[in-house]
PDB file of N, CA and C in Angstrom:
ATOM      1  N   MET A   1       9.215   1.019  -7.337  1.00  0.00           N
ATOM      2  CA  MET A   1       9.056  -0.318  -7.915  1.00  0.00           C
ATOM      3  C   MET A   1       9.737  -1.301  -7.021  1.00  0.00           C
ATOM      4  N   VAL A   2       9.096  -2.421  -6.875  1.00  0.00           N
ATOM      5  CA  VAL A   2       9.647  -3.590  -6.067  1.00  0.00           C
ATOM      6  C   VAL A   2       9.591  -4.857  -6.946  1.00  0.00           C
ATOM      7  N   LYS A   3      10.482  -5.734  -6.676  1.00  0.00           N
ATOM      8  CA  LYS A   3      10.531  -6.996  -7.366  1.00  0.00           C
ATOM      9  C   LYS A   3       9.950  -8.029  -6.407  1.00  0.00           C
ATOM     10  N   PRO A   4       8.730  -8.590  -6.749  1.00  0.00           N
ATOM     11  CA  PRO A   4       8.124  -9.550  -5.867  1.00  0.00           C
ATOM     12  C   PRO A   4       8.995 -10.814  -5.646  1.00  0.00           C
ATOM     13  N   SER A   5       9.042 -11.296  -4.419  1.00  0.00           N
ATOM     14  CA  SER A   5       9.824 -12.452  -4.196  1.00  0.00           C
ATOM     15  C   SER A   5       9.234 -13.723  -4.827  1.00  0.00           C
ATOM     16  N   CYS A   6       7.951 -13.699  -5.185  1.00  0.00           N
ATOM     17  CA  CYS A   6       7.338 -14.902  -5.751  1.00  0.00           C
ATOM     18  C   CYS A   6       7.438 -14.985  -7.280  1.00  0.00           C
ATOM     19  N   ARG A   7       8.025 -13.906  -7.913  1.00  0.00           N
ATOM     20  CA  ARG A   7       8.159 -13.908  -9.378  1.00  0.00           C
ATOM     21  C   ARG A   7       9.472 -13.293  -9.788  1.00  0.00           C
ATOM     22  N   ASP A   8      10.107 -13.814 -10.818  1.00  0.00           N
ATOM     23  CA  ASP A   8      11.353 -13.295 -11.356  1.00  0.00           C
ATOM     24  C   ASP A   8      11.171 -12.394 -12.550  1.00  0.00           C
ATOM     25  N   ASP A   9       9.949 -12.415 -13.183  1.00  0.00           N
ATOM     26  CA  ASP A   9       9.788 -11.812 -14.437  1.00  0.00           C
ATOM     27  C   ASP A   9       9.104 -10.421 -14.426  1.00  0.00           C
ATOM     28  N   THR A  10       8.933  -9.830 -13.283  1.00  0.00           N
ATOM     29  CA  THR A  10       8.169  -8.581 -13.228  1.00  0.00           C
ATOM     30  C   THR A  10       8.658  -7.691 -12.077  1.00  0.00           C
ATOM     31  N   TRP A  11       8.333  -6.421 -12.253  1.00  0.00           N
ATOM     32  CA  TRP A  11       8.468  -5.428 -11.156  1.00  0.00           C
ATOM     33  C   TRP A  11       7.065  -4.831 -10.963  1.00  0.00           C
ATOM     34  N   GLU A  12       6.760  -4.401  -9.705  1.00  0.00           N
ATOM     35  CA  GLU A  12       5.428  -3.908  -9.439  1.00  0.00           C
ATOM     36  C   GLU A  12       5.540  -2.623  -8.622  1.00  0.00           C
ATOM     37  N   ILE A  13       4.453  -1.805  -8.669  1.00  0.00           N
ATOM     38  CA  ILE A  13       4.327  -0.675  -7.799  1.00  0.00           C
ATOM     39  C   ILE A  13       3.776  -1.180  -6.478  1.00  0.00           C
ATOM     40  N   PRO A  14       4.410  -0.777  -5.355  1.00  0.00           N
ATOM     41  CA  PRO A  14       3.876  -1.202  -4.060  1.00  0.00           C
ATOM     42  C   PRO A  14       2.447  -0.703  -3.882  1.00  0.00           C
ATOM     43  N   GLY A  15       1.644  -1.492  -3.189  1.00  0.00           N
ATOM     44  CA  GLY A  15       0.305  -1.089  -2.910  1.00  0.00           C
ATOM     45  C   GLY A  15      -0.401  -2.086  -2.094  1.00  0.00           C
ATOM     46  N   GLY A  16      -1.640  -1.731  -1.714  1.00  0.00           N
ATOM     47  CA  GLY A  16      -2.450  -2.654  -0.916  1.00  0.00           C
ATOM     48  C   GLY A  16      -3.727  -1.974  -0.531  1.00  0.00           C
ATOM     49  N   GLY A  17      -4.417  -2.560   0.399  1.00  0.00           N
ATOM     50  CA  GLY A  17      -5.665  -2.100   0.859  1.00  0.00           C
ATOM     51  C   GLY A  17      -5.630  -1.608   2.260  1.00  0.00           C
ATOM     52  N   LEU A  18      -6.753  -1.121   2.762  1.00  0.00           N
ATOM     53  CA  LEU A  18      -6.910  -0.690   4.092  1.00  0.00           C
ATOM     54  C   LEU A  18      -7.123  -1.828   5.020  1.00  0.00           C
ATOM     55  N   GLY A  19      -6.402  -1.854   6.154  1.00  0.00           N
ATOM     56  CA  GLY A  19      -6.616  -2.795   7.186  1.00  0.00           C
ATOM     57  C   GLY A  19      -7.814  -2.372   8.071  1.00  0.00           C
ATOM     58  N   ALA A  20      -8.289  -3.297   8.871  1.00  0.00           N
ATOM     59  CA  ALA A  20      -9.391  -2.937   9.750  1.00  0.00           C
ATOM     60  C   ALA A  20      -9.045  -1.778  10.646  1.00  0.00           C
ATOM     61  N   GLY A  21      -9.854  -0.735  10.604  1.00  0.00           N
ATOM     62  CA  GLY A  21      -9.668   0.426  11.480  1.00  0.00           C
ATOM     63  C   GLY A  21      -8.583   1.451  10.965  1.00  0.00           C
ATOM     64  N   GLU A  22      -7.956   1.214   9.805  1.00  0.00           N
ATOM     65  CA  GLU A  22      -7.012   2.073   9.270  1.00  0.00           C
ATOM     66  C   GLU A  22      -7.608   3.143   8.404  1.00  0.00           C
ATOM     67  N   ASP A  23      -6.998   4.393   8.435  1.00  0.00           N
ATOM     68  CA  ASP A  23      -7.386   5.395   7.455  1.00  0.00           C
ATOM     69  C   ASP A  23      -6.357   5.299   6.359  1.00  0.00           C
ATOM     70  N   PRO A  24      -6.595   6.011   5.219  1.00  0.00           N
ATOM     71  CA  PRO A  24      -5.638   5.872   4.077  1.00  0.00           C
ATOM     72  C   PRO A  24      -4.149   6.247   4.429  1.00  0.00           C
ATOM     73  N   PRO A  25      -3.858   7.341   5.186  1.00  0.00           N
ATOM     74  CA  PRO A  25      -2.486   7.577   5.460  1.00  0.00           C
ATOM     75  C   PRO A  25      -1.826   6.525   6.407  1.00  0.00           C
ATOM     76  N   GLN A  26      -2.562   5.960   7.318  1.00  0.00           N
ATOM     77  CA  GLN A  26      -2.071   4.831   8.091  1.00  0.00           C
ATOM     78  C   GLN A  26      -1.702   3.628   7.210  1.00  0.00           C
ATOM     79  N   ALA A  27      -2.613   3.330   6.303  1.00  0.00           N
ATOM     80  CA  ALA A  27      -2.407   2.154   5.398  1.00  0.00           C
ATOM     81  C   ALA A  27      -1.227   2.444   4.490  1.00  0.00           C
ATOM     82  N   ALA A  28      -1.033   3.667   4.041  1.00  0.00           N
ATOM     83  CA  ALA A  28       0.146   3.994   3.204  1.00  0.00           C
ATOM     84  C   ALA A  28       1.425   3.774   3.970  1.00  0.00           C
ATOM     85  N   ARG A  29       1.505   4.248   5.212  1.00  0.00           N
ATOM     86  CA  ARG A  29       2.673   4.047   6.026  1.00  0.00           C
ATOM     87  C   ARG A  29       2.957   2.545   6.227  1.00  0.00           C
ATOM     88  N   ARG A  30       1.951   1.766   6.511  1.00  0.00           N
ATOM     89  CA  ARG A  30       2.067   0.345   6.706  1.00  0.00           C
ATOM     90  C   ARG A  30       2.567  -0.334   5.456  1.00  0.00           C
ATOM     91  N   GLU A  31       2.032   0.025   4.322  1.00  0.00           N
ATOM     92  CA  GLU A  31       2.428  -0.625   3.038  1.00  0.00           C
ATOM     93  C   GLU A  31       3.863  -0.275   2.727  1.00  0.00           C
ATOM     94  N   VAL A  32       4.313   0.954   2.926  1.00  0.00           N
ATOM     95  CA  VAL A  32       5.668   1.345   2.700  1.00  0.00           C
ATOM     96  C   VAL A  32       6.632   0.526   3.614  1.00  0.00           C
ATOM     97  N   ARG A  33       6.236   0.364   4.865  1.00  0.00           N
ATOM     98  CA  ARG A  33       7.007  -0.420   5.799  1.00  0.00           C
ATOM     99  C   ARG A  33       7.072  -1.853   5.382  1.00  0.00           C
ATOM    100  N   GLU A  34       5.898  -2.496   4.998  1.00  0.00           N
ATOM    101  CA  GLU A  34       5.863  -3.809   4.621  1.00  0.00           C
ATOM    102  C   GLU A  34       6.577  -4.125   3.261  1.00  0.00           C
ATOM    103  N   GLU A  35       6.347  -3.283   2.271  1.00  0.00           N
ATOM    104  CA  GLU A  35       6.878  -3.538   0.930  1.00  0.00           C
ATOM    105  C   GLU A  35       8.357  -3.150   0.798  1.00  0.00           C
ATOM    106  N   LEU A  36       8.729  -2.049   1.454  1.00  0.00           N
ATOM    107  CA  LEU A  36      10.065  -1.503   1.241  1.00  0.00           C
ATOM    108  C   LEU A  36      10.977  -1.548   2.496  1.00  0.00           C
ATOM    109  N   GLY A  37      10.375  -1.836   3.666  1.00  0.00           N
ATOM    110  CA  GLY A  37      11.184  -1.874   4.891  1.00  0.00           C
ATOM    111  C   GLY A  37      11.577  -0.528   5.383  1.00  0.00           C
ATOM    112  N   ILE A  38      10.862   0.533   4.989  1.00  0.00           N
ATOM    113  CA  ILE A  38      11.120   1.910   5.375  1.00  0.00           C
ATOM    114  C   ILE A  38      10.122   2.378   6.357  1.00  0.00           C
ATOM    115  N   GLU A  39      10.585   2.949   7.505  1.00  0.00           N
ATOM    116  CA  GLU A  39       9.699   3.598   8.465  1.00  0.00           C
ATOM    117  C   GLU A  39       9.511   5.055   8.033  1.00  0.00           C
ATOM    118  N   GLU A  40       8.474   5.307   7.302  1.00  0.00           N
ATOM    119  CA  GLU A  40       8.194   6.616   6.811  1.00  0.00           C
ATOM    120  C   GLU A  40       7.594   7.506   7.919  1.00  0.00           C
ATOM    121  N   GLY A  41       8.155   8.654   8.095  1.00  0.00           N
ATOM    122  CA  GLY A  41       7.677   9.591   9.154  1.00  0.00           C
ATOM    123  C   GLY A  41       6.494  10.457   8.758  1.00  0.00           C
ATOM    124  N   SER A  42       6.465  10.905   7.469  1.00  0.00           N
ATOM    125  CA  SER A  42       5.401  11.759   7.067  1.00  0.00           C
ATOM    126  C   SER A  42       4.771  11.223   5.768  1.00  0.00           C
ATOM    127  N   THR A  43       3.484  11.388   5.648  1.00  0.00           N
ATOM    128  CA  THR A  43       2.807  10.897   4.468  1.00  0.00           C
ATOM    129  C   THR A  43       1.887  12.047   4.006  1.00  0.00           C
ATOM    130  N   VAL A  44       1.975  12.333   2.696  1.00  0.00           N
ATOM    131  CA  VAL A  44       1.093  13.264   2.063  1.00  0.00           C
ATOM    132  C   VAL A  44      -0.004  12.514   1.369  1.00  0.00           C
ATOM    133  N   TYR A  45      -1.272  12.723   1.755  1.00  0.00           N
ATOM    134  CA  TYR A  45      -2.427  12.091   1.185  1.00  0.00           C
ATOM    135  C   TYR A  45      -2.776  12.740  -0.108  1.00  0.00           C
ATOM    136  N   LEU A  46      -2.739  11.965  -1.203  1.00  0.00           N
ATOM    137  CA  LEU A  46      -3.062  12.463  -2.543  1.00  0.00           C
ATOM    138  C   LEU A  46      -4.440  11.987  -3.064  1.00  0.00           C
ATOM    139  N   GLN A  47      -4.734  10.780  -2.949  1.00  0.00           N
ATOM    140  CA  GLN A  47      -5.973  10.219  -3.424  1.00  0.00           C
ATOM    141  C   GLN A  47      -6.199   8.864  -2.910  1.00  0.00           C
ATOM    142  N   HIS A  48      -7.501   8.517  -2.717  1.00  0.00           N
ATOM    143  CA  HIS A  48      -7.913   7.196  -2.311  1.00  0.00           C
ATOM    144  C   HIS A  48      -8.718   6.572  -3.417  1.00  0.00           C
ATOM    145  N   GLY A  49      -8.281   5.458  -3.946  1.00  0.00           N
ATOM    146  CA  GLY A  49      -9.075   4.759  -4.955  1.00  0.00           C
ATOM    147  C   GLY A  49     -10.171   3.930  -4.288  1.00  0.00           C
ATOM    148  N   PHE A  50     -11.265   3.773  -5.032  1.00  0.00           N
ATOM    149  CA  PHE A  50     -12.359   3.002  -4.491  1.00  0.00           C
ATOM    150  C   PHE A  50     -12.709   1.912  -5.510  1.00  0.00           C
ATOM    151  N   ASP A  51     -12.742   0.704  -5.009  1.00  0.00           N
ATOM    152  CA  ASP A  51     -13.111  -0.465  -5.805  1.00  0.00           C
ATOM    153  C   ASP A  51     -14.530  -0.853  -5.489  1.00  0.00           C
ATOM    154  N   PRO A  52     -15.475  -0.604  -6.420  1.00  0.00           N
ATOM    155  CA  PRO A  52     -16.920  -0.962  -6.127  1.00  0.00           C
ATOM    156  C   PRO A  52     -17.107  -2.388  -5.758  1.00  0.00           C
ATOM    157  N   ALA A  53     -16.231  -3.311  -6.258  1.00  0.00           N
ATOM    158  CA  ALA A  53     -16.348  -4.712  -5.992  1.00  0.00           C
ATOM    159  C   ALA A  53     -15.978  -5.019  -4.491  1.00  0.00           C
ATOM    160  N   ARG A  54     -15.255  -4.099  -3.874  1.00  0.00           N
ATOM    161  CA  ARG A  54     -14.838  -4.282  -2.478  1.00  0.00           C
ATOM    162  C   ARG A  54     -15.288  -3.066  -1.663  1.00  0.00           C
ATOM    163  N   PRO A  55     -16.546  -2.954  -1.382  1.00  0.00           N
ATOM    164  CA  PRO A  55     -17.041  -1.725  -0.699  1.00  0.00           C
ATOM    165  C   PRO A  55     -16.474  -1.491   0.675  1.00  0.00           C
ATOM    166  N   GLU A  56     -15.890  -2.513   1.258  1.00  0.00           N
ATOM    167  CA  GLU A  56     -15.275  -2.313   2.600  1.00  0.00           C
ATOM    168  C   GLU A  56     -14.057  -1.429   2.562  1.00  0.00           C
ATOM    169  N   ASN A  57     -13.457  -1.228   1.377  1.00  0.00           N
ATOM    170  CA  ASN A  57     -12.322  -0.315   1.203  1.00  0.00           C
ATOM    171  C   ASN A  57     -12.883   1.004   0.769  1.00  0.00           C
TER     172      ASN A  57
END
């Protein structure tokens, strides 16, 4: 859980989408680095969600 800098009243689960040319494990590592400031060395791929409204992901 992270506390967004733009809001004082909530905590959120870190997350995000795929960047151009990224596969899900690469995106997960980037999101962990961006959201938590942690350079994660290994990532276990569990599941990829698909949003039909955003077919590019």
